[in-house]
Structures are given as C-alpha cells and as structure tokens.
C-alpha atoms as a PDB file:
ATOM      1  CA  MET A   1     -82.092  38.031 -53.117  1.00  0.00           C
ATOM      2  CA  ALA A   2     -82.371  38.964 -49.466  1.00  0.00           C
ATOM      3  CA  LYS A   3     -82.570  35.534 -49.185  1.00  0.00           C
ATOM      4  CA  LYS A   4     -79.452  34.829 -50.728  1.00  0.00           C
ATOM      5  CA  LYS A   5     -77.615  37.356 -49.042  1.00  0.00           C
ATOM      6  CA  LYS A   6     -79.064  36.020 -45.827  1.00  0.00           C
ATOM      7  CA  GLU A   7     -77.514  32.484 -46.899  1.00  0.00           C
ATOM      8  CA  GLU A   8     -74.302  34.064 -47.790  1.00  0.00           C
ATOM      9  CA  THR A   9     -73.846  35.723 -44.237  1.00  0.00           C
ATOM     10  CA  VAL A  10     -75.042  32.448 -42.514  1.00  0.00           C
ATOM     11  CA  VAL A  11     -72.223  30.616 -44.705  1.00  0.00           C
ATOM     12  CA  GLU A  12     -69.793  33.271 -43.986  1.00  0.00           C
ATOM     13  CA  GLU A  13     -70.644  33.394 -40.262  1.00  0.00           C
ATOM     14  CA  GLN A  14     -70.416  29.597 -40.075  1.00  0.00           C
ATOM     15  CA  GLU A  15     -66.919  29.870 -41.975  1.00  0.00           C
ATOM     16  CA  GLN A  16     -66.064  32.503 -39.583  1.00  0.00           C
ATOM     17  CA  HIS A  17     -67.373  30.443 -36.461  1.00  0.00           C
ATOM     18  CA  THR A  18     -65.439  27.101 -37.944  1.00  0.00           C
ATOM     19  CA  THR A  19     -62.208  29.213 -38.712  1.00  0.00           C
ATOM     20  CA  GLU A  20     -62.460  30.341 -34.844  1.00  0.00           C
ATOM     21  CA  GLU A  21     -62.822  26.709 -34.116  1.00  0.00           C
ATOM     22  CA  THR A  22     -60.147  25.286 -35.797  1.00  0.00           C
ATOM     23  CA  GLN A  23     -57.789  28.159 -34.676  1.00  0.00           C
ATOM     24  CA  GLU A  24     -58.857  27.390 -31.158  1.00  0.00           C
ATOM     25  CA  GLN A  25     -57.911  23.737 -31.490  1.00  0.00           C
ATOM     26  CA  VAL A  26     -54.726  24.508 -33.127  1.00  0.00           C
ATOM     27  CA  SER A  27     -53.815  26.783 -30.622  1.00  0.00           C
ATOM     28  CA  LYS A  28     -54.768  23.908 -27.745  1.00  0.00           C
ATOM     29  CA  GLU A  29     -52.901  21.663 -29.508  1.00  0.00           C
ATOM     30  CA  ASP A  30     -49.718  23.657 -29.509  1.00  0.00           C
ATOM     31  CA  HIS A  31     -50.283  24.567 -26.122  1.00  0.00           C
ATOM     32  CA  LEU A  32     -50.498  20.720 -24.998  1.00  0.00           C
ATOM     33  CA  GLN A  33     -47.270  19.870 -27.710  1.00  0.00           C
ATOM     34  CA  GLU A  34     -45.513  22.672 -25.016  1.00  0.00           C
ATOM     35  CA  GLU A  35     -46.551  20.995 -22.399  1.00  0.00           C
ATOM     36  CA  LEU A  36     -45.743  17.419 -23.244  1.00  0.00           C
ATOM     37  CA  ALA A  37     -42.250  19.270 -24.664  1.00  0.00           C
ATOM     38  CA  LYS A  38     -41.659  20.632 -20.934  1.00  0.00           C
ATOM     39  CA  GLU A  39     -42.854  17.235 -19.061  1.00  0.00           C
ATOM     40  CA  LYS A  40     -40.584  15.127 -21.305  1.00  0.00           C
ATOM     41  CA  ASP A  41     -37.469  17.536 -20.802  1.00  0.00           C
ATOM     42  CA  LYS A  42     -38.465  17.637 -16.956  1.00  0.00           C
ATOM     43  CA  PHE A  43     -38.511  13.709 -16.887  1.00  0.00           C
ATOM     44  CA  LEU A  44     -34.994  13.527 -18.644  1.00  0.00           C
ATOM     45  CA  ARG A  45     -33.640  15.822 -16.288  1.00  0.00           C
ATOM     46  CA  LEU A  46     -34.862  14.061 -13.312  1.00  0.00           C
ATOM     47  CA  PHE A  47     -33.706  10.543 -14.622  1.00  0.00           C
ATOM     48  CA  ALA A  48     -30.383  11.675 -15.409  1.00  0.00           C
ATOM     49  CA  GLU A  49     -30.159  13.272 -12.180  1.00  0.00           C
ATOM     50  CA  PHE A  50     -31.015   9.882 -10.727  1.00  0.00           C
ATOM     51  CA  GLU A  51     -28.419   8.364 -13.098  1.00  0.00           C
ATOM     52  CA  ASN A  52     -25.576  10.493 -11.545  1.00  0.00           C
ATOM     53  CA  TYR A  53     -27.471   9.924  -8.497  1.00  0.00           C
ATOM     54  CA  LYS A  54     -26.687   6.366  -8.684  1.00  0.00           C
ATOM     55  CA  LYS A  55     -23.046   6.322  -9.916  1.00  0.00           C
ATOM     56  CA  ARG A  56     -22.427   8.576  -7.058  1.00  0.00           C
ATOM     57  CA  THR A  57     -23.789   6.343  -4.525  1.00  0.00           C
ATOM     58  CA  SER A  58     -21.865   2.995  -5.745  1.00  0.00           C
ATOM     59  CA  LYS A  59     -18.635   5.250  -6.397  1.00  0.00           C
ATOM     60  CA  GLU A  60     -18.999   5.863  -2.436  1.00  0.00           C
ATOM     61  CA  ARG A  61     -19.568   2.176  -1.824  1.00  0.00           C
ATOM     62  CA  VAL A  62     -16.604   1.357  -3.399  1.00  0.00           C
ATOM     63  CA  GLU A  63     -14.283   3.660  -1.341  1.00  0.00           C
ATOM     64  CA  LEU A  64     -16.084   2.848   1.909  1.00  0.00           C
ATOM     65  CA  PHE A  65     -15.046  -1.002   0.981  1.00  0.00           C
ATOM     66  CA  LYS A  66     -11.865  -0.191   0.140  1.00  0.00           C
ATOM     67  CA  THR A  67     -11.151   1.783   3.415  1.00  0.00           C
ATOM     68  CA  ALA A  68     -13.678  -0.117   5.738  1.00  0.00           C
ATOM     69  CA  GLY A  69     -10.876  -1.894   7.807  1.00  0.00           C
ATOM     70  CA  GLN A  70      -8.514   1.543   7.943  1.00  0.00           C
ATOM     71  CA  ASP A  71      -9.240   1.653  11.615  1.00  0.00           C
ATOM     72  CA  VAL A  72      -8.165  -1.677  12.567  1.00  0.00           C
ATOM     73  CA  ILE A  73      -5.479  -1.908  10.283  1.00  0.00           C
ATOM     74  CA  GLN A  74      -3.940   1.338  11.634  1.00  0.00           C
ATOM     75  CA  SER A  75      -4.321   0.024  15.070  1.00  0.00           C
ATOM     76  CA  MET A  76      -2.716  -2.802  14.131  1.00  0.00           C
ATOM     77  CA  LEU A  77       0.728  -1.174  12.826  1.00  0.00           C
ATOM     78  CA  PRO A  78       1.925  -0.698  16.096  1.00  0.00           C
ATOM     79  CA  VAL A  79       1.733  -4.326  16.719  1.00  0.00           C
ATOM     80  CA  LEU A  80       3.566  -5.023  13.224  1.00  0.00           C
ATOM     81  CA  ASP A  81       6.109  -2.660  14.517  1.00  0.00           C
ATOM     82  CA  ASP A  82       6.881  -4.335  17.410  1.00  0.00           C
ATOM     83  CA  PHE A  83       6.821  -7.463  15.623  1.00  0.00           C
ATOM     84  CA  ASP A  84       9.929  -5.699  13.476  1.00  0.00           C
ATOM     85  CA  ARG A  85      11.766  -4.809  16.613  1.00  0.00           C
ATOM     86  CA  ALA A  86      11.371  -8.143  17.873  1.00  0.00           C
ATOM     87  CA  MET A  87      12.813  -9.946  14.859  1.00  0.00           C
ATOM     88  CA  LEU A  88      15.827  -7.621  14.818  1.00  0.00           C
ATOM     89  CA  GLU A  89      16.581  -8.712  18.729  1.00  0.00           C
ATOM     90  CA  LEU A  90      16.281 -11.908  18.171  1.00  0.00           C
ATOM     91  CA  GLY A  91      18.586 -12.375  15.191  1.00  0.00           C
ATOM     92  CA  LYS A  92      21.165 -10.824  17.387  1.00  0.00           C
ATOM     93  CA  THR A  93      21.558 -13.801  19.935  1.00  0.00           C
ATOM     94  CA  GLU A  94      22.509 -17.118  19.013  1.00  0.00           C
ATOM     95  CA  GLU A  95      20.619 -19.008  21.544  1.00  0.00           C
ATOM     96  CA  GLY A  96      17.006 -17.146  19.960  1.00  0.00           C
ATOM     97  CA  ASN A  97      17.500 -18.784  17.131  1.00  0.00           C
ATOM     98  CA  GLU A  98      14.067 -21.770  17.293  1.00  0.00           C
ATOM     99  CA  LEU A  99      12.090 -18.961  19.074  1.00  0.00           C
ATOM    100  CA  TYR A 100      13.155 -16.563  16.130  1.00  0.00           C
ATOM    101  CA  LYS A 101      12.236 -18.726  13.373  1.00  0.00           C
ATOM    102  CA  GLY A 102       8.577 -19.132  15.444  1.00  0.00           C
ATOM    103  CA  VAL A 103       8.645 -15.157  15.738  1.00  0.00           C
ATOM    104  CA  GLU A 104       9.022 -15.563  12.003  1.00  0.00           C
ATOM    105  CA  LEU A 105       6.510 -17.187  11.011  1.00  0.00           C
ATOM    106  CA  ILE A 106       4.095 -15.300  13.091  1.00  0.00           C
ATOM    107  CA  ASN A 107       5.134 -11.929  11.524  1.00  0.00           C
ATOM    108  CA  ASN A 108       4.757 -13.449   7.998  1.00  0.00           C
ATOM    109  CA  LYS A 109       1.313 -14.988   8.483  1.00  0.00           C
ATOM    110  CA  PHE A 110       0.360 -11.438   9.990  1.00  0.00           C
ATOM    111  CA  LYS A 111       1.986  -9.425   7.222  1.00  0.00           C
ATOM    112  CA  GLY A 112       0.142 -11.450   4.769  1.00  0.00           C
ATOM    113  CA  VAL A 113      -2.856 -11.056   6.192  1.00  0.00           C
ATOM    114  CA  LEU A 114      -2.667  -7.358   6.231  1.00  0.00           C
ATOM    115  CA  GLU A 115      -1.151  -7.354   2.684  1.00  0.00           C
ATOM    116  CA  SER A 116      -4.226  -9.389   1.696  1.00  0.00           C
ATOM    117  CA  LYS A 117      -6.708  -6.342   2.953  1.00  0.00           C
ATOM    118  CA  GLY A 118      -4.745  -3.811   0.821  1.00  0.00           C
ATOM    119  CA  LEU A 119      -1.590  -2.676   3.269  1.00  0.00           C
ATOM    120  CA  LYS A 120       1.571  -2.263   1.475  1.00  0.00           C
ATOM    121  CA  MET A 121       4.800  -0.705   2.881  1.00  0.00           C
ATOM    122  CA  MET A 122       6.116   2.480   1.342  1.00  0.00           C
ATOM    123  CA  GLU A 123       9.594   1.901   0.064  1.00  0.00           C
ATOM    124  CA  VAL A 124      11.559   4.577   1.311  1.00  0.00           C
ATOM    125  CA  GLU A 125      15.734   3.897   1.650  1.00  0.00           C
ATOM    126  CA  THR A 126      18.569   6.193   2.733  1.00  0.00           C
ATOM    127  CA  GLY A 127      19.402   8.673   0.257  1.00  0.00           C
ATOM    128  CA  ASP A 128      16.581   8.828  -1.024  1.00  0.00           C
ATOM    129  CA  ALA A 129      15.153  12.506  -2.072  1.00  0.00           C
ATOM    130  CA  PHE A 130      12.682  14.440   0.613  1.00  0.00           C
ATOM    131  CA  ASP A 131       9.168  14.630  -0.388  1.00  0.00           C
ATOM    132  CA  ALA A 132       7.233  16.759   2.385  1.00  0.00           C
ATOM    133  CA  GLU A 133       3.874  15.577   0.519  1.00  0.00           C
ATOM    134  CA  VAL A 134       5.104  11.507   0.976  1.00  0.00           C
ATOM    135  CA  HIS A 135       7.499  11.979   3.933  1.00  0.00           C
ATOM    136  CA  ASP A 136       7.208  12.754   7.574  1.00  0.00           C
ATOM    137  CA  ALA A 137      10.596  14.454   8.937  1.00  0.00           C
ATOM    138  CA  ILE A 138      10.982  14.497  12.437  1.00  0.00           C
ATOM    139  CA  THR A 139      14.233  16.082  12.691  1.00  0.00           C
ATOM    140  CA  GLN A 140      17.411  17.350  10.448  1.00  0.00           C
ATOM    141  CA  ILE A 141      20.801  16.635  10.881  1.00  0.00           C
ATOM    142  CA  PRO A 142      23.984  17.783   9.511  1.00  0.00           C
ATOM    143  CA  ALA A 143      24.389  15.416   6.563  1.00  0.00           C
ATOM    144  CA  PRO A 144      27.488  13.280   6.758  1.00  0.00           C
ATOM    145  CA  SER A 145      28.577  13.951   3.447  1.00  0.00           C
ATOM    146  CA  ASP A 146      27.334  16.824   0.788  1.00  0.00           C
ATOM    147  CA  ASP A 147      25.650  14.205  -1.423  1.00  0.00           C
ATOM    148  CA  LEU A 148      22.893  13.477   1.156  1.00  0.00           C
ATOM    149  CA  LYS A 149      22.087  16.983   1.732  1.00  0.00           C
ATOM    150  CA  GLY A 150      18.065  16.812   1.533  1.00  0.00           C
ATOM    151  CA  LYS A 151      18.044  13.540   1.244  1.00  0.00           C
ATOM    152  CA  ILE A 152      16.325  10.807   3.637  1.00  0.00           C
ATOM    153  CA  ILE A 153      19.185   9.422   6.532  1.00  0.00           C
ATOM    154  CA  ASP A 154      17.644   7.452   8.115  1.00  0.00           C
ATOM    155  CA  VAL A 155      14.107   5.729   8.606  1.00  0.00           C
ATOM    156  CA  VAL A 156      12.514   5.990  12.215  1.00  0.00           C
ATOM    157  CA  GLU A 157       9.014   4.158  11.213  1.00  0.00           C
ATOM    158  CA  LYS A 158       7.989   2.753   8.035  1.00  0.00           C
ATOM    159  CA  GLY A 159       5.163   4.373   6.211  1.00  0.00           C
ATOM    160  CA  TYR A 160       2.035   2.295   5.138  1.00  0.00           C
ATOM    161  CA  THR A 161      -0.746   2.917   2.016  1.00  0.00           C
ATOM    162  CA  LEU A 162      -4.132   0.883   2.164  1.00  0.00           C
ATOM    163  CA  GLY A 163      -4.930   1.144  -1.673  1.00  0.00           C
ATOM    164  CA  ASP A 164      -3.855   4.241  -2.780  1.00  0.00           C
ATOM    165  CA  LYS A 165      -4.371   6.120   0.498  1.00  0.00           C
ATOM    166  CA  VAL A 166      -1.548   6.858   2.847  1.00  0.00           C
ATOM    167  CA  ILE A 167      -2.568   5.722   6.219  1.00  0.00           C
ATOM    168  CA  ARG A 168       0.780   6.341   7.675  1.00  0.00           C
ATOM    169  CA  HIS A 169       3.842   8.462   6.503  1.00  0.00           C
ATOM    170  CA  PRO A 170       6.892   7.307   6.985  1.00  0.00           C
ATOM    171  CA  LYS A 171       9.248   8.839   9.726  1.00  0.00           C
ATOM    172  CA  VAL A 172      12.518   9.974   8.498  1.00  0.00           C
ATOM    173  CA  VAL A 173      15.540  11.830   9.514  1.00  0.00           C
ATOM    174  CA  VAL A 174      16.513  14.773   6.488  1.00  0.00           C
ATOM    175  CA  GLY A 175      20.088  15.353   5.855  1.00  0.00           C
ATOM    176  CA  GLN A 176      21.022  19.293   6.129  1.00  0.00           C
END
C-alpha cells in the first residue's frame, strides 16, 4: 500500500508539474500574442503615418508647381501694364496705326504666354460692389451719384490671379 501511495503521489506531482508547465506555456503564449498585437498596431500606425506623409508631400509638390513661376510672373505684371498704356496711347493717334498693330501683336502673344502659365485678369468694372478681401482701395472720392456710394468708381490698376491665388489685388477708387 505504501508503494501505491508513493506511486499516486508521484503521479499527482507529475500531473501538477505538467499542469504548471502547461500554464507557464499558456502564459508565455498569451504574452507573445500581446507582443505580436502591439507590434502589429505599431506597424499599422507607422504605415498610416507614412501614407499621410506621402499624400502631404505630393500635395505640397503640386502647389509648388502651380506657383513656381509666381515671382517671375509678378515681375512681368508692370510690363503688361506698360503694354496696355502703350496700346491706349497708340490707339489715339492716326499715324501710329501700323505701330499699333505691331504692339498689339506682341501684347497678345505676351498675354497668351502668361495665360498659359495660369495668369488670369480679375474682372472689375465701374459700379461693382467694393470688397475689401478682393479689392485694394487707394482712395475714396465723393460718389457722382447715390447709387455709386460704396461701389467702385474707377480701376487704377488691374488685378491678377495665378491659379486660385490672388497675386495682385486690383487698385480701385471707391465712391463715398
């Protein structure tokens, strides 16, 4: 009987030892599963961050290309204004008719090149409502009529946009 008890004790100890090993393996497996889940989460976050970075940089690159020539185009605007003044003066004289045609041809080509690069003239006319966000008021004068109060009376300098961005606000005279 003592032998049976010893064998039962040994069997119980072996079962207990096996149970402890199984529990230890289960806890190690759980620990490894948690670590794997953490690493997967870290990977997914890093991947999402990288995708956002790629989108942001490509958007910035597109914006840069849209306005890359902005400085050059802005420096050409006074030349465009001079062409408009020359056209106005040459149109007033009769002997400048041939000269007018040549200047008009150059002016049209110049405007065409600038328009192909995204330059657009802002349409502002006498009688339009003054908007401080869009227009640059250089002076106010008494309105010739009541319906022109708070409205544009004269456009001194044209305004231009490059793409969606205003690169020069039109300079206007506002009725008071």
